[in-house]
Amino acid sequence: MSQTEVPPSIAMPMPMPPVEEGTQSNRQLLRHTSLMRDKSLSFNPVPTGITSADEVYVPNCAPVFEVGYWMNYGNFSSVRQQHEEYKDHVHTLSIWNLPVESAYGADIAACLNLGWPQVTHVSLEYSTWEPEPNRYSIAWHKILCESSAFPLLVDYRVWQMLPARLEVFSIHKFKTERDRNQATDIIAQVPELLAPTPAVQQFYEHRCRYLEHVVMSMDSVNRAETFTKYRYLTLALATPVLAPRTLTIVNCRLKHIRAILNCIDRNALGLPTGPLHYQPGVLELGRSLQHLHLKMASLYDELTGLPISAARFPDLSSLIIEHSPALDNSLPDGEKFGQLWETRWSGMKRLQLPFFSDLHAALLVKFMPNLEILSIIPAPGFEAGDEYPDSLSAATVIKLATQLHTLRHFEVRSMLRIKGKRPLNMAQQIYLALKKPPVAARPELKLFAVPCVHMDFCSVVRMLTYLPSVEQLEFQLPDQYAVPGNMSPEVRSVAHNLAGLEWAEEKRKFGEAFAVKPHPLQSIIVTGYHPDLHSAAITEFLGLFPDLESLAFTAVSREDQDNIDQLAGVLTALNPDLNVSIV
């Protein structure tokens, strides 16, 4: 089919190179391209007017053009041939796995200079042993940012094997003329210490104008690479030269953070304090940094806890902390999160922690009163939280959901726990915690996800009564095999009862509360399986939410999977307008 016969709205697949007879026909090279959203980045803004796709598995064809594939197949001539035919259909340009020291370095520049009128995103991945800045990479930056070869370019990302760094550059980083003039002034003041040659000057100039996000891995093969990382992060945090808005540090240890902060405080690099607006010893850092993502190997050592505080990063609005707990440690001081709770975070909007406890609830409400997104996401395999000494009760979960008045997104993906012992039935805590109503309802909360917390239908509707604007809900069904333990007769059967002992009364109260305006719940994700799902209780429960659009189940075991398969068909037949699925 010719190019003119393809509708403009349909991406045209490129032909694959010819293969010898006897080999597999239609051979394709598959690449995992997630150029619109990178999992290593904690913040991925979607530009206005650009539709993003989370992850796309595509063959080597439009709208993603794999330059590395065609270069390896037939050198630059193959790229030029495909460019002439498909340039108007390519939206993402991917250049990967190319040794920059070879002749490919110049060929990549020639490839970029061909002109790509519809490309909005570019990904460059290369390896080099040369000290930065590399002579070829400087030329690539100039073509992407300053030439007319990419009229629709939104951003481009560069992954450098050494020093294990990903940089994302936004063409429209500065929205106003004032911001652009300030960048020009900063570039003009960069002294000879940072720019001994024109190439180095251009290296910092491009980053000052366009650098938006940085992902840095702290793993190093030698001291020279470690010094390069520390120097880069010092400039990023203490000066306006790099000034990224998002910083992600991977494979990070406390010694790395302490070394960077000490390097800044003592001015170990000998940076000039005048032109760079750098003041050694001053706590405030990262005035342009808005999002910090730390993938920690550990949260404490024998010296200090986490040295991250509002005094250090006053403009931070998003903080994500990940780590894998050490099983041979009881975390005596680890749960205090170092300096995190020492100063009030007035601008903090998003917080993600790997664990949480009852002791932290009051601190969170006091020091982060303006949170909009709170996520407790442990490392995979540590949802039970047995290695943490302090408790996490249902009362704490309810307190956070109802007392943080600006909270819009709340998810706790760890199990409830009691200090010193593990209860046989965690649904007891939810039942008892809701006996005492919250102080006030919080209409701002839109998402409430507790997939590891057992809740019967009584607990769910009672909770939603105080969360009248929740649109997405996630919870776990009661454990049908749990032993109630030494509980009062009125609570003893909660473990086996899906609806709850007071289901008829709670259903009536919920219906009266939302008689005029129905509850806006639109999506439910249920973890686990319970035999009572085949009873009339599930139909009554779903009937309380007329705006419900989707119901999804997550199986815990293979047996649950088989039962849920049958249940999904029944629910679909009974509720034809409801989208029932299995996650």
Protein backbone atom coordinates (compact mmCIF):
# COMPACT_ATOMS: atom_id res chain seq x y z
CA MET A 1 0.00 0.00 0.00
CA SER A 2 1.41 3.39 -0.93
CA GLN A 3 1.86 6.19 1.51
CA THR A 4 -0.97 8.25 0.01
CA GLU A 5 -3.44 5.40 0.60
CA VAL A 6 -2.97 5.46 4.36
CA PRO A 7 -5.32 7.69 6.36
CA PRO A 8 -3.47 10.36 8.33
CA SER A 9 -4.91 9.14 11.63
CA ILE A 10 -3.40 5.67 11.23
CA ALA A 11 0.27 5.05 11.92
CA MET A 12 1.96 3.37 8.96
CA PRO A 13 4.14 0.33 9.75
CA MET A 14 7.58 0.37 8.19
CA PRO A 15 8.74 -2.59 6.10
CA MET A 16 11.28 -4.87 7.73
CA PRO A 17 14.67 -5.53 6.10
CA PRO A 18 14.76 -8.46 3.67
CA VAL A 19 15.72 -11.87 5.03
CA GLU A 20 17.35 -14.82 3.40
CA GLU A 21 15.27 -17.69 2.12
CA GLY A 22 14.61 -20.35 4.70
CA THR A 23 14.70 -17.90 7.58
CA GLN A 24 11.69 -16.66 9.41
CA SER A 25 9.70 -14.26 7.29
CA ASN A 26 8.30 -11.11 8.84
CA ARG A 27 11.09 -11.06 11.38
CA GLN A 28 10.60 -8.14 13.75
CA LEU A 29 12.68 -6.44 16.37
CA LEU A 30 10.60 -5.64 19.42
CA ARG A 31 11.64 -2.85 21.72
CA HIS A 32 10.09 -1.80 24.99
CA THR A 33 9.48 1.92 24.51
CA SER A 34 8.07 3.93 27.38
CA LEU A 35 9.36 7.27 26.24
CA MET A 36 6.29 9.20 27.34
CA ARG A 37 6.52 7.93 30.91
CA ASP A 38 9.71 6.59 32.49
CA LYS A 39 9.36 4.35 35.55
CA SER A 40 12.55 5.76 37.04
CA LEU A 41 11.06 9.24 37.18
CA SER A 42 8.93 10.18 40.12
CA PHE A 43 7.29 13.03 38.25
CA ASN A 44 6.16 12.79 34.62
CA PRO A 45 4.20 15.84 33.50
CA VAL A 46 2.13 15.40 30.36
CA PRO A 47 2.46 18.48 28.12
CA THR A 48 -0.70 20.30 27.19
CA GLY A 49 -2.23 18.88 24.03
CA ILE A 50 -0.05 15.74 24.07
CA THR A 51 -1.66 12.41 24.81
CA SER A 52 0.62 9.98 26.66
CA ALA A 53 0.74 6.21 26.69
CA ASP A 54 2.09 4.43 29.76
CA GLU A 55 3.90 1.55 28.10
CA VAL A 56 3.83 0.61 24.45
CA TYR A 57 5.19 -2.59 22.94
CA VAL A 58 5.54 -1.92 19.25
CA PRO A 59 7.46 -3.44 16.36
CA ASN A 60 10.20 -1.38 14.74
CA CYS A 61 7.78 0.89 12.91
CA ALA A 62 5.96 4.19 13.09
CA PRO A 63 5.11 6.02 15.27
CA VAL A 64 8.34 4.91 17.06
CA PHE A 65 11.40 4.91 14.82
CA GLU A 66 14.36 2.86 16.11
CA VAL A 67 17.47 4.49 14.69
CA GLY A 68 19.80 1.94 16.28
CA TYR A 69 18.11 -0.92 14.48
CA TRP A 70 18.44 0.61 11.02
CA MET A 71 21.99 1.79 11.72
CA ASN A 72 23.02 -1.73 12.65
CA TYR A 73 21.23 -3.16 9.65
CA GLY A 74 22.49 -0.92 6.90
CA ASN A 75 24.32 2.08 8.35
CA PHE A 76 23.17 5.67 7.80
CA SER A 77 21.95 5.01 4.27
CA SER A 78 19.18 2.75 5.64
CA VAL A 79 18.06 5.46 8.06
CA ARG A 80 17.96 8.02 5.26
CA GLN A 81 15.95 5.70 3.02
CA GLN A 82 13.33 5.00 5.71
CA HIS A 83 13.25 8.67 6.70
CA GLU A 84 12.17 9.78 3.25
CA GLU A 85 9.19 7.46 3.28
CA TYR A 86 7.99 7.63 6.88
CA LYS A 87 9.13 10.94 8.40
CA ASP A 88 5.57 12.32 8.47
CA HIS A 89 4.35 9.35 10.53
CA VAL A 90 7.07 9.18 13.19
CA HIS A 91 6.26 10.76 16.58
CA THR A 92 8.99 9.24 18.76
CA LEU A 93 12.63 8.87 17.79
CA SER A 94 14.66 6.25 19.69
CA ILE A 95 18.45 6.01 19.43
CA TRP A 96 19.88 3.27 21.62
CA ASN A 97 22.86 1.00 22.19
CA LEU A 98 25.33 2.93 20.06
CA PRO A 99 29.03 3.38 21.02
CA VAL A 100 29.54 7.10 20.72
CA GLU A 101 33.31 6.90 20.19
CA SER A 102 32.81 5.11 16.86
CA ALA A 103 31.75 6.61 13.55
CA TYR A 104 28.18 6.32 14.78
CA GLY A 105 28.65 9.55 16.74
CA ALA A 106 28.76 11.64 13.56
CA ASP A 107 26.07 9.51 11.90
CA ILE A 108 23.65 10.21 14.76
CA ALA A 109 24.14 13.94 14.25
CA ALA A 110 23.47 13.46 10.53
CA CYS A 111 20.36 11.43 11.37
CA LEU A 112 19.02 14.20 13.61
CA ASN A 113 19.75 16.80 10.93
CA LEU A 114 17.51 14.97 8.45
CA GLY A 115 14.53 16.71 10.00
CA TRP A 116 11.60 15.04 11.76
CA PRO A 117 8.56 17.31 11.43
CA GLN A 118 6.14 15.25 13.57
CA VAL A 119 8.48 14.01 16.33
CA THR A 120 7.53 15.16 19.84
CA HIS A 121 9.83 12.93 21.94
CA VAL A 122 13.41 11.72 21.48
CA SER A 123 15.33 9.13 23.50
CA LEU A 124 19.13 8.90 23.29
CA GLU A 125 21.05 6.06 24.91
CA TYR A 126 24.80 5.87 24.48
CA SER A 127 27.97 4.67 26.19
CA THR A 128 31.23 6.56 26.38
CA TRP A 129 34.45 6.47 28.37
CA GLU A 130 35.34 10.04 27.51
CA PRO A 131 35.06 12.70 30.23
CA GLU A 132 31.98 14.84 29.89
CA PRO A 133 31.02 16.79 27.95
CA ASN A 134 31.34 14.51 24.96
CA ARG A 135 31.97 16.33 21.66
CA TYR A 136 29.21 14.44 19.89
CA SER A 137 26.61 14.94 22.63
CA ILE A 138 27.15 18.71 22.49
CA ALA A 139 26.28 18.66 18.78
CA TRP A 140 23.16 16.55 19.46
CA HIS A 141 21.90 19.02 22.06
CA LYS A 142 22.31 21.96 19.66
CA ILE A 143 20.42 20.17 16.89
CA LEU A 144 17.54 19.17 19.17
CA CYS A 145 17.17 22.52 20.92
CA GLU A 146 18.24 25.18 18.46
CA SER A 147 17.74 23.88 14.91
CA SER A 148 14.55 23.63 12.86
CA ALA A 149 14.86 19.84 12.49
CA PHE A 150 12.34 19.19 15.31
CA PRO A 151 9.61 21.87 15.14
CA LEU A 152 7.18 19.94 17.40
CA LEU A 153 9.69 18.57 19.94
CA VAL A 154 8.39 18.61 23.53
CA ASP A 155 11.19 16.86 25.41
CA TYR A 156 14.10 14.51 24.92
CA ARG A 157 15.92 12.23 27.31
CA VAL A 158 19.55 11.21 27.35
CA TRP A 159 20.75 8.08 29.13
CA GLN A 160 24.52 7.93 29.60
CA MET A 161 25.96 4.58 30.63
CA LEU A 162 28.74 6.29 32.55
CA PRO A 163 28.10 7.87 34.98
CA ALA A 164 24.76 5.99 35.01
CA ARG A 165 22.64 9.10 34.57
CA LEU A 166 19.36 9.85 32.84
CA GLU A 167 18.58 13.46 31.99
CA VAL A 168 15.26 14.71 30.63
CA PHE A 169 15.28 18.03 28.79
CA SER A 170 12.13 20.06 28.27
CA ILE A 171 12.10 22.44 25.32
CA HIS A 172 9.54 24.62 27.08
CA LYS A 173 11.06 24.58 30.58
CA PHE A 174 10.82 28.35 30.98
CA LYS A 175 7.35 29.74 30.35
CA THR A 176 8.08 33.45 30.69
CA GLU A 177 10.59 35.87 29.24
CA ARG A 178 11.75 36.70 32.76
CA ASP A 179 12.75 33.09 33.44
CA ARG A 180 14.63 32.91 30.16
CA ASN A 181 16.50 36.12 30.95
CA GLN A 182 17.46 34.81 34.39
CA ALA A 183 18.89 31.68 32.77
CA THR A 184 20.89 33.84 30.40
CA ASP A 185 22.33 35.81 33.33
CA ILE A 186 23.29 32.63 35.17
CA ILE A 187 25.04 31.21 32.12
CA ALA A 188 26.96 34.45 31.64
CA GLN A 189 28.22 34.30 35.22
CA VAL A 190 29.52 30.73 35.13
CA PRO A 191 33.23 31.20 35.88
CA GLU A 192 36.23 29.54 34.28
CA LEU A 193 36.28 26.95 37.05
CA LEU A 194 33.14 25.38 35.60
CA ALA A 195 33.70 26.25 31.94
CA PRO A 196 37.39 26.13 31.00
CA THR A 197 36.50 25.42 27.36
CA PRO A 198 33.64 26.43 25.02
CA ALA A 199 32.44 22.81 24.97
CA VAL A 200 32.04 22.73 28.74
CA GLN A 201 30.31 26.12 28.61
CA GLN A 202 27.77 24.68 26.14
CA PHE A 203 27.37 21.62 28.35
CA TYR A 204 26.15 23.77 31.27
CA GLU A 205 24.26 26.18 29.03
CA HIS A 206 22.01 23.46 27.65
CA ARG A 207 21.29 22.13 31.12
CA CYS A 208 20.56 25.54 32.56
CA ARG A 209 18.04 26.24 29.80
CA TYR A 210 16.37 22.87 29.30
CA LEU A 211 17.17 20.35 32.09
CA GLU A 212 13.95 19.26 33.81
CA HIS A 213 14.50 15.83 35.43
CA VAL A 214 17.54 13.85 36.57
CA VAL A 215 17.86 10.17 37.53
CA MET A 216 21.22 9.26 39.05
CA SER A 217 22.43 5.84 40.18
CA MET A 218 24.98 6.00 43.00
CA ASP A 219 26.70 2.75 42.01
CA SER A 220 30.24 3.56 40.88
CA VAL A 221 33.08 1.55 39.39
CA ASN A 222 35.87 3.84 40.62
CA ARG A 223 36.57 7.01 42.57
CA ALA A 224 36.63 9.18 39.47
CA GLU A 225 33.05 8.25 38.66
CA THR A 226 32.01 8.85 42.27
CA PHE A 227 33.58 12.33 42.16
CA THR A 228 31.72 13.08 38.93
CA LYS A 229 28.41 12.14 40.57
CA TYR A 230 29.05 14.23 43.69
CA ARG A 231 30.10 17.22 41.61
CA TYR A 232 26.99 16.97 39.44
CA LEU A 233 24.63 16.66 42.43
CA THR A 234 26.35 19.55 44.23
CA LEU A 235 25.74 21.81 41.24
CA ALA A 236 22.17 20.55 40.98
CA LEU A 237 21.31 21.19 44.64
CA ALA A 238 23.45 24.19 45.65
CA THR A 239 23.56 26.34 42.51
CA PRO A 240 21.12 27.52 39.82
CA VAL A 241 23.35 26.19 37.03
CA LEU A 242 21.57 22.85 36.57
CA ALA A 243 18.40 23.48 38.64
CA PRO A 244 16.33 20.36 37.83
CA ARG A 245 12.75 20.23 39.06
CA THR A 246 12.85 16.47 39.70
CA LEU A 247 15.73 14.46 41.15
CA THR A 248 15.69 10.68 41.54
CA ILE A 249 18.63 8.95 43.26
CA VAL A 250 18.80 5.17 42.80
CA ASN A 251 20.77 2.63 44.88
CA CYS A 252 21.24 5.33 47.47
CA ARG A 253 22.69 4.92 50.96
CA LEU A 254 22.84 7.36 53.85
CA LYS A 255 26.58 7.72 53.37
CA HIS A 256 25.95 9.05 49.86
CA ILE A 257 23.48 11.69 51.09
CA ARG A 258 25.77 12.69 53.97
CA ALA A 259 28.75 12.97 51.62
CA ILE A 260 26.84 15.21 49.20
CA LEU A 261 25.55 17.48 51.97
CA ASN A 262 28.99 17.69 53.61
CA CYS A 263 30.52 18.49 50.24
CA ILE A 264 28.03 21.34 49.85
CA ASP A 265 28.40 22.64 53.42
CA ARG A 266 32.21 22.68 53.30
CA ASN A 267 32.40 23.77 49.66
CA ALA A 268 34.73 20.87 49.02
CA LEU A 269 34.67 21.57 45.27
CA GLY A 270 35.88 25.13 45.75
CA LEU A 271 32.92 26.68 43.93
CA PRO A 272 32.79 30.47 43.76
CA THR A 273 30.13 31.80 46.12
CA GLY A 274 29.33 35.04 44.31
CA PRO A 275 28.30 34.44 40.70
CA LEU A 276 26.68 31.08 41.49
CA HIS A 277 24.63 32.39 44.44
CA TYR A 278 26.22 29.65 46.51
CA GLN A 279 26.45 30.06 50.29
CA PRO A 280 28.33 27.20 52.01
CA GLY A 281 26.95 26.29 55.42
CA VAL A 282 23.43 27.57 54.69
CA LEU A 283 20.85 24.83 55.22
CA GLU A 284 18.50 25.76 52.38
CA LEU A 285 19.18 23.79 49.19
CA GLY A 286 17.48 23.03 45.91
CA ARG A 287 15.43 26.20 45.53
CA SER A 288 14.23 24.96 42.14
CA LEU A 289 13.80 21.32 43.24
CA GLN A 290 10.14 20.33 43.60
CA HIS A 291 10.21 16.52 43.50
CA LEU A 292 12.72 14.28 45.28
CA HIS A 293 12.67 10.50 44.88
CA LEU A 294 15.06 8.37 46.96
CA LYS A 295 15.40 4.65 46.26
CA MET A 296 17.25 3.73 49.43
CA ALA A 297 19.21 0.58 50.16
CA SER A 298 18.65 1.36 53.87
CA LEU A 299 17.09 4.15 55.91
CA TYR A 300 19.56 4.25 58.80
CA ASP A 301 23.05 3.23 59.80
CA GLU A 302 25.24 3.50 62.86
CA LEU A 303 25.79 7.24 62.34
CA THR A 304 22.58 9.09 61.47
CA GLY A 305 19.05 8.72 60.19
CA LEU A 306 17.74 10.21 56.98
CA PRO A 307 19.13 13.79 56.73
CA ILE A 308 16.17 15.15 54.74
CA SER A 309 14.25 18.02 56.36
CA ALA A 310 12.11 21.01 55.45
CA ALA A 311 14.97 23.26 56.54
CA ARG A 312 17.15 21.70 53.84
CA PHE A 313 14.53 21.62 51.08
CA PRO A 314 11.94 24.32 51.84
CA ASP A 315 10.43 24.34 48.33
CA LEU A 316 9.95 20.58 48.06
CA SER A 317 6.37 19.62 47.18
CA SER A 318 6.82 15.88 46.56
CA LEU A 319 8.93 13.32 48.46
CA ILE A 320 9.06 9.62 47.63
CA ILE A 321 11.14 7.25 49.78
CA GLU A 322 11.61 3.60 48.86
CA HIS A 323 13.75 0.99 50.55
CA SER A 324 14.07 -2.72 51.22
CA PRO A 325 14.08 -3.53 54.96
CA ALA A 326 16.96 -5.52 56.44
CA LEU A 327 15.48 -8.67 57.94
CA ASP A 328 18.38 -9.08 60.39
CA ASN A 329 17.57 -5.78 62.04
CA SER A 330 14.85 -4.66 64.42
CA LEU A 331 15.03 -1.05 63.19
CA PRO A 332 15.48 0.58 66.61
CA ASP A 333 15.67 4.09 65.15
CA GLY A 334 14.73 3.46 61.56
CA GLU A 335 11.03 4.27 61.93
CA LYS A 336 11.80 7.82 63.05
CA PHE A 337 12.81 8.71 59.47
CA GLY A 338 15.75 10.76 60.69
CA GLN A 339 15.10 14.51 60.35
CA LEU A 340 11.86 14.19 58.38
CA TRP A 341 9.62 15.31 61.26
CA GLU A 342 11.83 18.05 62.69
CA THR A 343 10.40 21.01 60.75
CA ARG A 344 7.02 21.88 59.26
CA TRP A 345 6.66 21.18 55.52
CA SER A 346 4.27 23.93 54.49
CA GLY A 347 4.53 23.20 50.75
CA MET A 348 4.55 19.38 50.84
CA LYS A 349 1.73 18.02 48.66
CA ARG A 350 2.78 14.41 48.05
CA LEU A 351 4.45 11.91 50.39
CA GLN A 352 5.23 8.25 49.80
CA LEU A 353 6.83 6.16 52.55
CA PRO A 354 7.83 2.47 52.65
CA PHE A 355 6.20 1.91 56.07
CA PHE A 356 4.15 3.74 58.66
CA SER A 357 3.09 3.31 62.29
CA ASP A 358 0.75 4.76 64.88
CA LEU A 359 3.63 6.86 66.25
CA HIS A 360 3.92 8.73 62.95
CA ALA A 361 0.26 9.74 62.62
CA ALA A 362 0.40 12.71 64.98
CA LEU A 363 3.72 13.85 63.48
CA LEU A 364 2.33 13.68 59.97
CA VAL A 365 -0.77 15.71 60.83
CA LYS A 366 1.39 18.30 62.62
CA PHE A 367 4.31 18.71 60.21
CA MET A 368 2.60 18.04 56.85
CA PRO A 369 -0.85 19.58 57.20
CA ASN A 370 -1.27 20.38 53.49
CA LEU A 371 -0.76 16.90 52.05
CA GLU A 372 -2.89 15.99 49.06
CA ILE A 373 -1.39 12.57 48.25
CA LEU A 374 -0.28 10.09 50.95
CA SER A 375 0.96 6.64 49.94
CA ILE A 376 2.32 3.90 52.20
CA ILE A 377 3.89 1.43 49.77
CA PRO A 378 6.33 -1.14 51.23
CA ALA A 379 8.85 -3.05 49.17
CA PRO A 380 7.32 -6.11 47.46
CA GLY A 381 7.19 -8.99 49.93
CA PHE A 382 7.14 -6.76 53.03
CA GLU A 383 3.43 -5.91 53.11
CA ALA A 384 2.93 -7.81 56.38
CA GLY A 385 5.36 -5.51 58.17
CA ASP A 386 6.48 -8.14 60.69
CA GLU A 387 9.99 -6.68 60.73
CA TYR A 388 8.76 -3.31 62.04
CA PRO A 389 8.44 -3.05 65.82
CA ASP A 390 5.59 -0.53 66.09
CA SER A 391 1.92 -1.04 65.42
CA LEU A 392 -0.27 0.21 62.59
CA SER A 393 -3.89 0.16 63.67
CA ALA A 394 -7.18 0.71 61.92
CA ALA A 395 -7.75 3.77 64.11
CA THR A 396 -4.65 5.39 62.60
CA VAL A 397 -5.83 4.72 59.06
CA ILE A 398 -9.23 6.24 59.83
CA LYS A 399 -7.63 9.20 61.60
CA LEU A 400 -5.45 10.07 58.62
CA ALA A 401 -8.31 9.68 56.16
CA THR A 402 -10.56 12.03 58.13
CA GLN A 403 -8.18 14.56 59.79
CA LEU A 404 -5.95 15.64 56.89
CA HIS A 405 -8.36 18.19 55.47
CA THR A 406 -6.56 18.59 52.11
CA LEU A 407 -6.00 14.87 51.42
CA ARG A 408 -7.30 13.72 48.03
CA HIS A 409 -5.41 10.46 47.47
CA PHE A 410 -4.79 7.99 50.32
CA GLU A 411 -3.42 4.48 49.86
CA VAL A 412 -1.98 2.07 52.43
CA ARG A 413 -0.59 -1.07 50.83
CA SER A 414 0.67 -2.67 54.03
CA MET A 415 -1.18 -4.85 56.49
CA LEU A 416 -2.37 -3.67 59.87
CA ARG A 417 -0.25 -4.92 62.76
CA ILE A 418 -0.23 -4.90 66.56
CA LYS A 419 3.04 -4.40 68.44
CA GLY A 420 4.32 -7.60 69.99
CA LYS A 421 1.67 -9.88 68.51
CA ARG A 422 -0.17 -10.49 65.30
CA PRO A 423 -3.95 -10.77 65.69
CA LEU A 424 -5.75 -13.70 64.16
CA ASN A 425 -8.38 -11.53 62.52
CA MET A 426 -7.54 -8.00 61.37
CA ALA A 427 -11.16 -7.20 60.46
CA GLN A 428 -11.81 -6.84 64.21
CA GLN A 429 -9.84 -3.58 64.26
CA ILE A 430 -11.88 -1.97 61.51
CA TYR A 431 -15.14 -2.98 63.20
CA LEU A 432 -14.10 -1.61 66.58
CA ALA A 433 -12.41 1.54 65.24
CA LEU A 434 -15.61 2.60 63.49
CA LYS A 435 -17.62 2.20 66.68
CA LYS A 436 -16.33 5.68 67.57
CA PRO A 437 -17.21 7.98 64.65
CA PRO A 438 -14.58 10.31 63.18
CA VAL A 439 -14.67 13.94 64.27
CA ALA A 440 -15.87 15.19 60.87
CA ALA A 441 -16.40 14.08 57.29
CA ARG A 442 -13.73 14.89 54.71
CA PRO A 443 -15.31 15.64 51.33
CA GLU A 444 -11.97 16.23 49.57
CA LEU A 445 -10.78 12.59 49.51
CA LYS A 446 -11.24 11.03 46.07
CA LEU A 447 -9.20 7.80 46.29
CA PHE A 448 -9.10 5.47 49.30
CA ALA A 449 -7.07 2.28 48.80
CA VAL A 450 -6.36 -0.24 51.57
CA PRO A 451 -5.91 -3.50 49.62
CA CYS A 452 -4.29 -5.32 52.56
CA VAL A 453 -6.96 -4.38 55.13
CA HIS A 454 -9.88 -6.78 55.67
CA MET A 455 -13.25 -5.02 55.61
CA ASP A 456 -16.80 -6.35 55.53
CA PHE A 457 -19.61 -4.45 53.82
CA CYS A 458 -20.71 -2.83 57.09
CA SER A 459 -17.25 -1.37 57.61
CA VAL A 460 -17.07 -0.18 54.00
CA VAL A 461 -20.37 1.72 53.98
CA ARG A 462 -19.72 3.13 57.46
CA MET A 463 -16.32 4.40 56.28
CA LEU A 464 -17.77 5.87 53.09
CA THR A 465 -20.35 7.74 55.12
CA TYR A 466 -17.50 9.90 56.43
CA LEU A 467 -15.81 10.01 53.02
CA PRO A 468 -18.68 11.31 50.88
CA SER A 469 -16.61 12.16 47.79
CA VAL A 470 -14.56 8.99 47.30
CA GLU A 471 -14.68 7.89 43.67
CA GLN A 472 -12.17 5.02 43.79
CA LEU A 473 -12.12 2.40 46.56
CA GLU A 474 -9.84 -0.58 47.14
CA PHE A 475 -10.08 -3.04 50.05
CA GLN A 476 -9.69 -6.70 50.98
CA LEU A 477 -12.54 -9.06 51.79
CA PRO A 478 -12.76 -10.64 55.28
CA ASP A 479 -10.68 -13.75 55.84
CA GLN A 480 -13.18 -16.62 55.82
CA TYR A 481 -10.67 -18.93 57.55
CA ALA A 482 -9.68 -16.57 60.39
CA VAL A 483 -10.34 -17.56 63.99
CA PRO A 484 -12.09 -14.74 65.86
CA GLY A 485 -10.19 -15.23 69.10
CA ASN A 486 -11.31 -13.89 72.48
CA MET A 487 -13.90 -11.43 71.25
CA SER A 488 -17.36 -10.53 72.46
CA PRO A 489 -20.27 -12.49 70.95
CA GLU A 490 -21.35 -9.52 68.81
CA VAL A 491 -17.95 -9.34 67.10
CA ARG A 492 -17.02 -13.01 67.04
CA SER A 493 -18.58 -13.84 63.67
CA VAL A 494 -17.11 -10.87 61.79
CA ALA A 495 -14.31 -13.03 60.38
CA HIS A 496 -16.73 -15.26 58.50
CA ASN A 497 -19.46 -12.77 57.62
CA LEU A 498 -19.00 -10.82 54.39
CA ALA A 499 -21.85 -8.38 54.96
CA GLY A 500 -21.37 -7.86 58.70
CA LEU A 501 -23.66 -8.41 61.66
CA GLU A 502 -25.40 -5.04 61.34
CA TRP A 503 -25.66 -5.03 57.55
CA ALA A 504 -29.40 -4.32 57.38
CA GLU A 505 -29.09 -1.35 59.76
CA GLU A 506 -25.97 0.08 58.12
CA LYS A 507 -27.51 -0.28 54.67
CA ARG A 508 -30.57 1.64 55.82
CA LYS A 509 -28.48 4.45 57.36
CA PHE A 510 -26.31 4.74 54.27
CA GLY A 511 -29.34 4.92 52.00
CA GLU A 512 -30.88 7.69 54.11
CA ALA A 513 -27.61 9.68 54.19
CA PHE A 514 -27.35 9.66 50.39
CA ALA A 515 -31.02 9.69 49.49
CA VAL A 516 -30.92 13.16 47.91
CA LYS A 517 -27.50 12.95 46.29
CA PRO A 518 -26.11 9.42 45.65
CA HIS A 519 -22.60 8.56 46.72
CA PRO A 520 -20.22 9.27 43.77
CA LEU A 521 -18.25 5.99 44.02
CA GLN A 522 -17.29 4.93 40.49
CA SER A 523 -14.67 2.20 40.83
CA ILE A 524 -14.07 -0.66 43.30
CA ILE A 525 -11.11 -3.03 43.43
CA VAL A 526 -11.60 -6.00 45.74
CA THR A 527 -8.75 -8.24 46.91
CA GLY A 528 -9.46 -11.88 47.76
CA TYR A 529 -12.54 -14.08 47.55
CA HIS A 530 -15.37 -14.96 49.91
CA PRO A 531 -18.11 -17.60 49.41
CA ASP A 532 -20.80 -15.06 50.35
CA LEU A 533 -20.04 -13.17 47.14
CA HIS A 534 -22.54 -15.52 45.50
CA SER A 535 -25.29 -14.35 47.89
CA ALA A 536 -27.71 -11.47 47.58
CA ALA A 537 -25.45 -9.32 49.78
CA ILE A 538 -23.16 -8.37 46.89
CA THR A 539 -26.13 -7.21 44.79
CA GLU A 540 -27.44 -5.15 47.70
CA PHE A 541 -23.99 -3.68 48.27
CA LEU A 542 -23.50 -2.69 44.63
CA GLY A 543 -26.99 -1.23 44.52
CA LEU A 544 -25.96 1.45 47.03
CA PHE A 545 -23.74 3.07 44.37
CA PRO A 546 -25.74 4.01 41.25
CA ASP A 547 -22.72 5.73 39.67
CA LEU A 548 -20.52 2.63 39.91
CA GLU A 549 -18.86 1.90 36.57
CA SER A 550 -16.25 -0.79 37.23
CA LEU A 551 -15.69 -3.66 39.67
CA ALA A 552 -12.34 -5.45 39.63
CA PHE A 553 -11.12 -8.48 41.59
CA THR A 554 -7.57 -9.34 42.58
CA ALA A 555 -7.01 -13.02 43.38
CA VAL A 556 -4.81 -14.01 46.30
CA SER A 557 -4.51 -17.71 45.37
CA ARG A 558 -5.13 -19.99 42.41
CA GLU A 559 -8.30 -21.27 44.03
CA ASP A 560 -9.54 -17.69 44.35
CA GLN A 561 -8.80 -17.14 40.67
CA ASP A 562 -11.05 -20.03 39.61
CA ASN A 563 -13.89 -18.91 41.87
CA ILE A 564 -13.63 -15.29 40.74
CA ASP A 565 -13.76 -16.37 37.09
CA GLN A 566 -17.17 -17.90 37.70
CA LEU A 567 -18.32 -14.97 39.83
CA ALA A 568 -17.37 -12.41 37.18
CA GLY A 569 -19.67 -14.05 34.66
CA VAL A 570 -22.58 -14.07 37.11
CA LEU A 571 -22.11 -10.42 38.07
CA THR A 572 -21.83 -9.38 34.44
CA ALA A 573 -25.14 -11.10 33.66
CA LEU A 574 -26.86 -9.47 36.65
CA ASN A 575 -25.32 -6.03 36.02
CA PRO A 576 -24.90 -5.57 32.25
CA ASP A 577 -23.89 -1.90 32.62
CA LEU A 578 -21.11 -2.74 35.11
CA ASN A 579 -17.60 -3.45 33.83
CA VAL A 580 -16.47 -6.52 35.80
CA SER A 581 -12.83 -7.56 35.40
CA ILE A 582 -10.02 -9.55 37.04
CA VAL A 583 -6.77 -7.72 37.72
